[in-house]
Each structure stands twice: as C-alpha cells, then as structure tokens.
Amino acid sequence: MLVTDDRLLAGRDVVEVARRAVAGGVTLVQLRLKRAGARELVDLARRLREALPVPVLVNDRPDVARVSGTGVHLGPDDLPLDAARRLLPPGAIVGISAGTAEEAASGRGADYWGVGPWRATATKSDAGVALGAEGFGRIVRLAEGIPCVAIGGILPDDVPAVLKAGGVGVAVVSGILGVEDVEGAARAYARALTR
C-alpha cells in the first residue's frame, strides 16, 4: 500500500506518482494529504480512482470517500467504524489504524488493520511507540483473522519479519515517496513480498 504525504510529494502530481508506484507493484493507494481541503481531496480521489487499476482509499474522511467512490482508512480519532460503514456503500473498503489493544478493540468489522508503527517514523509524529516484530505480532493475534498491514518506517528488508509475524503486507510512505525512482522503490517492496 502506498500512503501519500504532502511533504514528500513536494509538488509532484499525486496521480502520476501513484501510477509509477502501481507500475512497480503497489496494489492499493491511500490518499493522505493533511493540507488538502475537502474539494481538493474529492477531485484527487476521483482522479486516482479513474487512473489506477487498484483500490483507492481516502485517509480519515468517510464523507470524501462516499462522494468520490473510494474506500476509507480511519484513525483512532476519526468517525467510528460503524458510522463510517453506514455512510459508505456496501463493499467499500474500510480500514483502521491499530497500534494498541484499545485501538484494535474498536476495529472489529474493518476490512484490514494498519498496524504500527513498526519503527519510529518521521512522517507521522503522533504514530505512537514503535512496535517492532513482537508488538506487531501481538496486535495481529488480536485481529483474529482480519488482515494486518505493517506501517511505520518499513524497509524492504523488514518484509520477511512482517510476514513471519502474521502480516499480509506493508504500507509505505517515505520508502517510496522519499526517493526519485518511485517505481523502482515500489518494485523493491513487491519483490520482498513475493519472495
């Protein structure tokens, strides 16, 4: 999963960057732009949905997801999962962030959990204490079958440990957006997942 970031995009076109990431193996794009207003997010989410052959989610904003025809990823301070489900059409992907047992408890019924941070990360100052493989594995066990994706400072070399701890994939911000060759960076993660 590619998670976008205002600062790391640094003026690059989010749709073009996402296309390159998908060409490299990204299978889901989460639109997370903290500086964008609702209208801009709707426009970008629609453009991404039309341009990409993979699912698109909007971070934090079920209202934007509904209008743009995408899924949503909810954090602990966002609208509760059941309320977001009522806003969205049946079949819309709804994911949640789970970094603690308390956050995990509110995630029953989500399509996936984004679990982290794997390690300390500069792209999300409020991400919490680094979980590492052991902490990640504890949250995965609480999921009882809900697919879990590791996020937070993930490197391609971390992928085997994520999978061994029960994860199904990784969500990446700076590991893809922080380099010039977005497609090549995405390909490194995709290769690690298929090994």
Protein backbone atom coordinates (compact mmCIF):
# COMPACT_ATOMS: atom_id res chain seq x y z
CA MET A 1 0.00 0.00 0.00
CA LEU A 2 1.29 3.43 -0.93
CA VAL A 3 0.26 6.14 1.55
CA THR A 4 0.68 9.64 0.16
CA ASP A 5 2.18 12.55 2.08
CA ASP A 6 2.02 16.28 1.29
CA ARG A 7 5.60 16.98 2.28
CA LEU A 8 7.15 14.05 0.44
CA LEU A 9 5.17 14.68 -2.74
CA ALA A 10 6.85 18.11 -2.80
CA GLY A 11 4.71 19.46 -5.63
CA ARG A 12 4.76 16.28 -7.74
CA ASP A 13 1.45 15.22 -9.31
CA VAL A 14 -0.08 12.64 -6.96
CA VAL A 15 -1.79 10.78 -9.81
CA GLU A 16 1.43 10.40 -11.80
CA VAL A 17 3.40 9.35 -8.72
CA ALA A 18 0.71 6.79 -7.86
CA ARG A 19 0.75 5.45 -11.45
CA ARG A 20 4.50 4.91 -11.22
CA ALA A 21 4.15 3.21 -7.82
CA VAL A 22 1.43 0.89 -9.16
CA ALA A 23 3.66 0.07 -12.16
CA GLY A 24 6.24 -1.01 -9.58
CA GLY A 25 3.84 -3.31 -7.76
CA VAL A 26 1.73 -1.21 -5.34
CA THR A 27 -1.69 -2.86 -5.01
CA LEU A 28 -3.59 -0.17 -3.07
CA VAL A 29 -3.23 3.62 -2.73
CA GLN A 30 -4.26 5.58 0.34
CA LEU A 31 -4.72 9.30 -0.28
CA ARG A 32 -3.41 11.02 2.85
CA LEU A 33 -2.93 14.74 2.34
CA LYS A 34 -3.30 16.65 5.59
CA ARG A 35 -3.08 20.10 3.93
CA ALA A 36 -5.76 19.49 1.31
CA GLY A 37 -9.34 20.65 1.70
CA ALA A 38 -12.40 18.50 1.07
CA ARG A 39 -12.94 19.66 -2.54
CA GLU A 40 -9.34 19.01 -3.49
CA LEU A 41 -9.44 15.59 -1.84
CA VAL A 42 -12.63 14.65 -3.71
CA ASP A 43 -11.08 15.72 -7.01
CA LEU A 44 -7.82 13.85 -6.37
CA ALA A 45 -9.58 10.73 -5.10
CA ARG A 46 -11.78 10.63 -8.20
CA ARG A 47 -8.79 11.15 -10.48
CA LEU A 48 -6.86 8.37 -8.71
CA ARG A 49 -9.84 6.01 -8.87
CA GLU A 50 -10.21 6.62 -12.61
CA ALA A 51 -6.47 6.40 -13.37
CA LEU A 52 -5.47 3.36 -11.33
CA PRO A 53 -6.30 -0.35 -11.66
CA VAL A 54 -6.05 -0.78 -7.86
CA PRO A 55 -8.33 0.27 -4.97
CA VAL A 56 -8.06 3.81 -3.65
CA LEU A 57 -8.76 4.83 -0.06
CA VAL A 58 -9.06 8.28 1.48
CA ASN A 59 -7.45 8.82 4.87
CA ASP A 60 -9.69 10.00 7.74
CA ARG A 61 -12.58 11.23 5.58
CA PRO A 62 -15.57 8.89 5.03
CA ASP A 63 -17.51 11.85 3.61
CA VAL A 64 -14.88 12.34 0.90
CA ALA A 65 -14.76 8.59 0.30
CA ARG A 66 -18.51 8.47 -0.22
CA VAL A 67 -18.56 11.35 -2.69
CA SER A 68 -15.50 10.12 -4.60
CA GLY A 69 -16.49 6.45 -4.74
CA THR A 70 -13.47 5.18 -2.82
CA GLY A 71 -12.82 3.38 0.45
CA VAL A 72 -11.57 4.96 3.65
CA HIS A 73 -8.87 4.45 6.28
CA LEU A 74 -9.84 5.57 9.79
CA GLY A 75 -7.56 6.60 12.62
CA PRO A 76 -8.39 6.36 16.33
CA ASP A 77 -9.77 9.93 16.44
CA ASP A 78 -11.90 9.64 13.30
CA LEU A 79 -15.55 8.74 12.87
CA PRO A 80 -16.24 5.31 14.45
CA LEU A 81 -16.11 2.31 12.14
CA ASP A 82 -19.85 1.53 12.31
CA ALA A 83 -20.78 5.13 11.48
CA ALA A 84 -18.39 5.15 8.51
CA ARG A 85 -19.90 1.87 7.27
CA ARG A 86 -23.36 3.49 7.33
CA LEU A 87 -22.08 6.36 5.18
CA LEU A 88 -20.41 4.18 2.57
CA PRO A 89 -21.97 1.82 0.05
CA PRO A 90 -21.80 -1.94 0.65
CA GLY A 91 -18.46 -3.36 -0.41
CA ALA A 92 -16.47 -0.16 0.21
CA ILE A 93 -13.12 -0.95 1.82
CA VAL A 94 -12.81 0.36 5.37
CA GLY A 95 -9.51 0.03 7.19
CA ILE A 96 -8.48 1.21 10.64
CA SER A 97 -5.24 2.09 12.41
CA ALA A 98 -4.36 -0.19 15.32
CA GLY A 99 -1.26 0.45 17.38
CA THR A 100 -2.63 -0.58 20.77
CA ALA A 101 -5.00 -3.20 22.15
CA GLU A 102 -7.58 -0.46 22.75
CA GLU A 103 -7.44 0.70 19.13
CA ALA A 104 -7.63 -2.90 17.97
CA ALA A 105 -10.78 -3.49 20.03
CA SER A 106 -12.60 -0.77 18.07
CA GLY A 107 -11.52 -2.34 14.76
CA ARG A 108 -13.83 -5.36 14.68
CA GLY A 109 -15.62 -5.30 11.36
CA ALA A 110 -12.87 -3.49 9.45
CA ASP A 111 -11.61 -4.97 6.19
CA TYR A 112 -7.99 -4.62 7.33
CA TRP A 113 -5.90 -3.11 10.11
CA GLY A 114 -2.93 -0.83 9.53
CA VAL A 115 -0.71 -1.82 12.46
CA GLY A 116 2.14 0.32 13.62
CA PRO A 117 4.37 1.99 13.86
CA TRP A 118 6.80 -0.82 13.06
CA ARG A 119 9.62 1.57 13.98
CA ALA A 120 9.83 5.28 14.77
CA THR A 121 8.73 7.31 11.77
CA ALA A 122 9.22 10.92 10.75
CA THR A 123 6.13 11.04 8.53
CA LYS A 124 3.58 10.75 11.36
CA SER A 125 4.51 12.47 14.60
CA ASP A 126 1.55 11.03 16.55
CA ALA A 127 2.12 7.41 15.47
CA GLY A 128 2.96 6.14 18.95
CA VAL A 129 5.67 3.87 20.30
CA ALA A 130 7.47 1.60 17.83
CA LEU A 131 6.04 -1.93 17.98
CA GLY A 132 8.71 -3.92 16.15
CA ALA A 133 8.03 -7.52 15.15
CA GLU A 134 6.97 -8.62 18.63
CA GLY A 135 4.45 -5.82 19.21
CA PHE A 136 3.15 -6.14 15.66
CA GLY A 137 2.60 -9.87 16.22
CA ARG A 138 0.63 -9.16 19.42
CA ILE A 139 -1.78 -6.88 17.54
CA VAL A 140 -2.08 -9.40 14.67
CA ARG A 141 -3.18 -12.06 17.17
CA LEU A 142 -5.89 -9.68 18.43
CA ALA A 143 -7.15 -9.31 14.84
CA GLU A 144 -8.35 -12.92 14.81
CA GLY A 145 -8.14 -13.21 11.04
CA ILE A 146 -8.60 -9.59 9.97
CA PRO A 147 -5.72 -8.91 7.54
CA CYS A 148 -3.00 -6.75 9.09
CA VAL A 149 -0.62 -4.45 7.20
CA ALA A 150 2.51 -3.09 8.88
CA ILE A 151 3.19 0.64 8.66
CA GLY A 152 5.79 2.99 10.08
CA GLY A 153 9.34 3.16 8.83
CA ILE A 154 9.04 -0.11 6.89
CA LEU A 155 12.00 -1.03 4.69
CA PRO A 156 12.04 -3.79 2.06
CA ASP A 157 14.32 -5.79 4.39
CA ASP A 158 11.55 -5.72 7.04
CA VAL A 159 9.03 -7.52 4.84
CA PRO A 160 10.06 -11.09 5.80
CA ALA A 161 9.71 -10.25 9.50
CA VAL A 162 6.29 -8.66 8.88
CA LEU A 163 5.09 -11.79 7.08
CA LYS A 164 6.58 -14.07 9.75
CA ALA A 165 4.71 -12.09 12.43
CA GLY A 166 1.42 -12.70 10.62
CA GLY A 167 1.12 -9.60 8.45
CA VAL A 168 -0.23 -9.75 4.91
CA GLY A 169 1.57 -6.71 3.55
CA VAL A 170 3.11 -3.32 4.20
CA ALA A 171 2.00 0.30 3.94
CA VAL A 172 4.79 2.61 2.84
CA VAL A 173 5.19 6.38 2.77
CA SER A 174 8.79 7.62 2.71
CA GLY A 175 10.25 4.34 1.44
CA ILE A 176 8.52 5.03 -1.87
CA LEU A 177 7.82 8.78 -1.92
CA GLY A 178 11.17 9.74 -0.40
CA VAL A 179 13.14 8.65 -3.48
CA GLU A 180 13.25 9.84 -7.07
CA ASP A 181 12.63 6.39 -8.59
CA VAL A 182 9.15 5.71 -7.20
CA GLU A 183 8.58 2.72 -9.48
CA GLY A 184 11.90 1.12 -8.54
CA ALA A 185 11.25 1.66 -4.83
CA ALA A 186 7.79 0.10 -5.10
CA ARG A 187 9.30 -2.82 -7.02
CA ALA A 188 11.74 -3.49 -4.16
CA TYR A 189 8.83 -3.90 -1.73
CA ALA A 190 6.84 -6.02 -4.21
CA ARG A 191 9.83 -8.34 -4.73
CA ALA A 192 10.28 -8.72 -0.97
CA LEU A 193 6.60 -9.65 -0.61
CA THR A 194 6.73 -12.30 -3.32
CA ARG A 195 9.94 -13.97 -2.12
